[in-house]
Amino acid sequence: MDEQPLVPVAQYLRMSTSHQRYSLENQRAALALYAREHGMTIVQTYSDPGCSGLELKHRSGLRQLLQDVVSKPFFHAIIVYDVSRWGRFQDPDEAAHYEFVCKSVGVPVHYSSELFVNDGSVANVLLKQLKRTMAGEYSRELGVKVYAGQKRLVQMGHRPATQPPWAPKFRWQTMDSPQRHRDSDKSRVRGRQRLGTHNGTPP
């Protein structure tokens, strides 16, 4: 008996900087296993490393995927790790819209780690919509908590120290910390040097 040919599929990967358990390597491994178990072969990869799932405009990988989908792609389906990797859009209808764009041209989206099957049944559609709403709500609540925490630190007399744009984290200083005074002293010395003075008197 002849074996069925493997279905060519594309995989989409996304990882935000604050969710390391969803690393691209973990997603690749999970999607490769899913493809083998479902008679698929991955022929194209789209990815958005270090990108938030809130907006489409910053996700070049997903934008390219959608563009290729409407241009008669050579793959027949898309596999994604879960609903939140597809996006944490604040309006769950936005996530549904992008999925419908794919589905409408015969390219369904499969979520490898979700408990529901993306088969269009009423129960699974409701569960998927609930997961989309939960994904967006998680980002909204996280943003509120981070803002509240930073605001409280400022009210306690701390401030974020100035760092270059590539610095990964803030370094907090109190308004009366020794480092702050040292920085201020250095600034005054540099100012006097620019004016051609030393210890307040002309050279």
Protein backbone atom coordinates (compact mmCIF):
# COMPACT_ATOMS: atom_id res chain seq x y z
CA MET A 1 0.00 0.00 0.00
CA ASP A 2 1.41 3.36 -1.07
CA GLU A 3 2.14 5.89 1.62
CA GLN A 4 0.24 9.15 1.61
CA PRO A 5 2.38 12.11 0.51
CA LEU A 6 3.33 14.52 3.26
CA VAL A 7 1.40 17.77 3.42
CA PRO A 8 3.67 20.81 2.95
CA VAL A 9 3.16 23.32 5.77
CA ALA A 10 4.64 26.55 7.07
CA GLN A 11 5.49 27.11 10.72
CA TYR A 12 5.18 30.41 12.56
CA LEU A 13 7.33 31.11 15.62
CA ARG A 14 7.19 34.05 18.01
CA MET A 15 8.93 34.79 21.27
CA SER A 16 8.71 37.94 23.37
CA THR A 17 11.73 38.81 25.50
CA SER A 18 9.84 38.14 28.75
CA HIS A 19 8.62 34.62 27.93
CA GLN A 20 11.72 32.44 27.70
CA ARG A 21 9.78 29.19 28.16
CA TYR A 22 8.37 29.86 24.70
CA SER A 23 11.87 29.93 23.18
CA LEU A 24 12.08 29.53 19.44
CA GLU A 25 14.02 26.27 19.86
CA ASN A 26 11.26 24.80 22.04
CA GLN A 27 8.64 25.83 19.53
CA ARG A 28 10.61 24.35 16.65
CA ALA A 29 10.92 21.02 18.47
CA ALA A 30 7.21 20.91 19.35
CA LEU A 31 6.11 21.82 15.83
CA ALA A 32 8.49 19.29 14.24
CA LEU A 33 6.96 16.55 16.39
CA TYR A 34 3.43 17.71 15.56
CA ALA A 35 4.25 17.69 11.85
CA ARG A 36 5.62 14.14 11.98
CA GLU A 37 2.59 12.88 13.88
CA HIS A 38 0.14 14.46 11.43
CA GLY A 39 1.74 13.58 8.11
CA MET A 40 3.17 17.04 7.47
CA THR A 41 6.52 18.36 6.28
CA ILE A 42 7.68 21.86 7.18
CA VAL A 43 8.78 23.70 4.05
CA GLN A 44 8.77 27.31 5.23
CA THR A 45 9.47 29.12 8.51
CA TYR A 46 8.30 32.56 9.56
CA SER A 47 9.45 33.98 12.87
CA ASP A 48 9.26 37.07 15.06
CA PRO A 49 11.99 36.72 17.71
CA GLY A 50 11.77 39.18 20.58
CA CYS A 51 8.48 40.66 19.37
CA SER A 52 5.40 41.49 21.38
CA GLY A 53 2.18 39.87 20.22
CA LEU A 54 0.11 43.02 20.75
CA GLU A 55 0.41 44.59 17.30
CA LEU A 56 0.92 43.41 13.75
CA LYS A 57 2.98 46.40 12.58
CA HIS A 58 6.09 45.33 14.52
CA ARG A 59 5.92 41.67 13.43
CA SER A 60 7.62 41.36 10.06
CA GLY A 61 7.40 37.57 10.16
CA LEU A 62 3.63 37.42 10.49
CA ARG A 63 3.17 40.22 7.95
CA GLN A 64 5.25 38.28 5.43
CA LEU A 65 3.30 35.10 6.16
CA LEU A 66 -0.03 36.84 5.49
CA GLN A 67 1.35 38.40 2.32
CA ASP A 68 2.56 35.03 1.05
CA VAL A 69 -0.73 33.33 1.96
CA VAL A 70 -2.77 35.60 -0.30
CA SER A 71 -0.22 35.13 -3.11
CA LYS A 72 -0.91 31.42 -3.72
CA PRO A 73 1.60 29.83 -1.32
CA PHE A 74 3.26 26.47 -1.92
CA PHE A 75 2.26 25.25 1.56
CA HIS A 76 -1.19 23.95 2.46
CA ALA A 77 -1.42 24.77 6.17
CA ILE A 78 0.23 26.76 8.97
CA ILE A 79 1.27 25.30 12.31
CA VAL A 80 1.71 27.45 15.43
CA TYR A 81 2.61 26.41 18.96
CA ASP A 82 -0.48 27.93 20.59
CA VAL A 83 -3.00 30.76 20.38
CA SER A 84 -0.81 33.23 22.27
CA ARG A 85 2.06 32.74 19.77
CA TRP A 86 -0.30 33.79 16.98
CA GLY A 87 -0.89 36.97 18.95
CA ARG A 88 -1.95 38.68 22.16
CA PHE A 89 -4.13 41.23 20.36
CA GLN A 90 -6.24 43.36 22.67
CA ASP A 91 -9.18 42.79 20.34
CA PRO A 92 -9.59 39.01 19.88
CA ASP A 93 -11.40 39.67 16.61
CA GLU A 94 -8.09 40.89 15.16
CA ALA A 95 -6.49 37.49 15.75
CA ALA A 96 -9.56 35.84 14.26
CA HIS A 97 -9.34 38.10 11.20
CA TYR A 98 -5.76 37.13 10.39
CA GLU A 99 -6.61 33.47 10.79
CA PHE A 100 -9.63 33.88 8.54
CA VAL A 101 -7.43 35.47 5.86
CA CYS A 102 -5.47 32.21 5.79
CA LYS A 103 -8.48 29.94 6.01
CA SER A 104 -10.33 31.76 3.22
CA VAL A 105 -7.64 30.80 0.69
CA GLY A 106 -7.52 27.18 1.83
CA VAL A 107 -4.63 27.44 4.29
CA PRO A 108 -5.90 26.50 7.78
CA VAL A 109 -4.02 27.29 10.98
CA HIS A 110 -3.22 24.44 13.40
CA TYR A 111 -2.25 25.04 17.04
CA SER A 112 0.00 22.19 18.09
CA SER A 113 -0.24 22.44 21.90
CA GLU A 114 -3.88 23.45 22.33
CA LEU A 115 -6.39 20.94 23.66
CA PHE A 116 -9.00 21.89 21.06
CA VAL A 117 -8.97 20.85 17.41
CA ASN A 118 -9.28 23.74 14.98
CA ASP A 119 -12.07 22.05 13.06
CA GLY A 120 -14.73 24.79 13.08
CA SER A 121 -17.08 22.98 15.46
CA VAL A 122 -19.10 25.19 17.80
CA ALA A 123 -17.42 23.96 21.00
CA ASN A 124 -13.90 24.36 19.61
CA VAL A 125 -14.63 27.79 18.12
CA LEU A 126 -15.89 29.01 21.51
CA LEU A 127 -12.84 27.59 23.29
CA LYS A 128 -10.48 29.15 20.78
CA GLN A 129 -12.13 32.56 21.16
CA LEU A 130 -11.87 32.24 24.93
CA LYS A 131 -8.14 31.47 24.65
CA ARG A 132 -7.66 34.51 22.39
CA THR A 133 -9.37 36.73 24.95
CA MET A 134 -7.27 35.28 27.77
CA ALA A 135 -4.06 35.85 25.77
CA GLY A 136 -4.88 39.52 25.26
CA GLU A 137 -6.01 40.00 28.86
CA TYR A 138 -2.74 38.58 30.17
CA SER A 139 -0.76 41.28 28.35
CA ARG A 140 -3.10 44.02 29.53
CA GLU A 141 -2.85 42.95 33.18
CA LEU A 142 0.92 42.59 32.95
CA GLY A 143 1.24 46.12 31.59
CA VAL A 144 -0.88 47.52 34.42
CA LYS A 145 1.19 45.71 37.07
CA VAL A 146 4.53 46.82 35.60
CA TYR A 147 3.38 50.44 35.42
CA ALA A 148 2.09 50.36 38.98
CA GLY A 149 5.36 48.87 40.24
CA GLN A 150 7.52 51.47 38.50
CA LYS A 151 5.27 54.30 39.70
CA ARG A 152 5.59 53.10 43.30
CA LEU A 153 9.39 52.99 43.06
CA VAL A 154 9.45 56.57 41.84
CA GLN A 155 7.15 57.64 44.67
CA MET A 156 9.56 55.98 47.12
CA GLY A 157 12.39 58.19 45.86
CA HIS A 158 13.98 55.90 43.30
CA ARG A 159 14.62 56.72 39.70
CA PRO A 160 15.77 54.68 36.69
CA ALA A 161 19.43 55.43 35.99
CA THR A 162 20.28 56.58 32.48
CA GLN A 163 21.52 53.70 30.34
CA PRO A 164 22.35 53.19 26.67
CA PRO A 165 19.45 51.95 24.51
CA TRP A 166 20.85 48.41 24.29
CA ALA A 167 20.93 47.96 28.09
CA PRO A 168 18.63 45.05 29.08
CA LYS A 169 17.38 46.35 32.41
CA PHE A 170 16.86 49.49 34.47
CA ARG A 171 19.24 50.20 37.35
CA TRP A 172 17.44 52.02 40.14
CA GLN A 173 19.08 54.70 42.29
CA THR A 174 17.68 56.59 45.24
CA MET A 175 17.51 60.35 44.84
CA ASP A 176 20.12 60.79 47.60
CA SER A 177 22.34 57.79 46.79
CA PRO A 178 26.15 58.15 46.94
CA GLN A 179 26.35 57.28 43.26
CA ARG A 180 24.04 60.17 42.42
CA HIS A 181 26.25 62.58 44.36
CA ARG A 182 29.39 61.23 42.69
CA ASP A 183 27.79 61.68 39.27
CA SER A 184 26.81 65.24 40.17
CA ASP A 185 30.37 66.01 41.37
CA LYS A 186 31.81 64.67 38.12
CA SER A 187 29.39 66.80 36.12
CA ARG A 188 30.46 69.95 38.02
CA VAL A 189 34.15 69.16 37.43
CA ARG A 190 33.57 68.68 33.71
CA GLY A 191 31.67 71.96 33.62
CA ARG A 192 34.54 73.84 35.29
CA GLN A 193 37.02 72.25 32.89
CA ARG A 194 35.02 73.42 29.91
CA LEU A 195 35.07 76.95 31.34
CA GLY A 196 38.83 76.76 31.84
CA THR A 197 38.76 76.89 35.65
CA HIS A 198 40.16 74.67 38.36
CA ASN A 199 38.66 74.52 41.85
CA GLY A 200 36.75 77.67 41.10
CA THR A 201 39.83 79.82 40.28
CA PRO A 202 41.37 80.72 36.89
CA PRO A 203 44.49 78.69 35.97
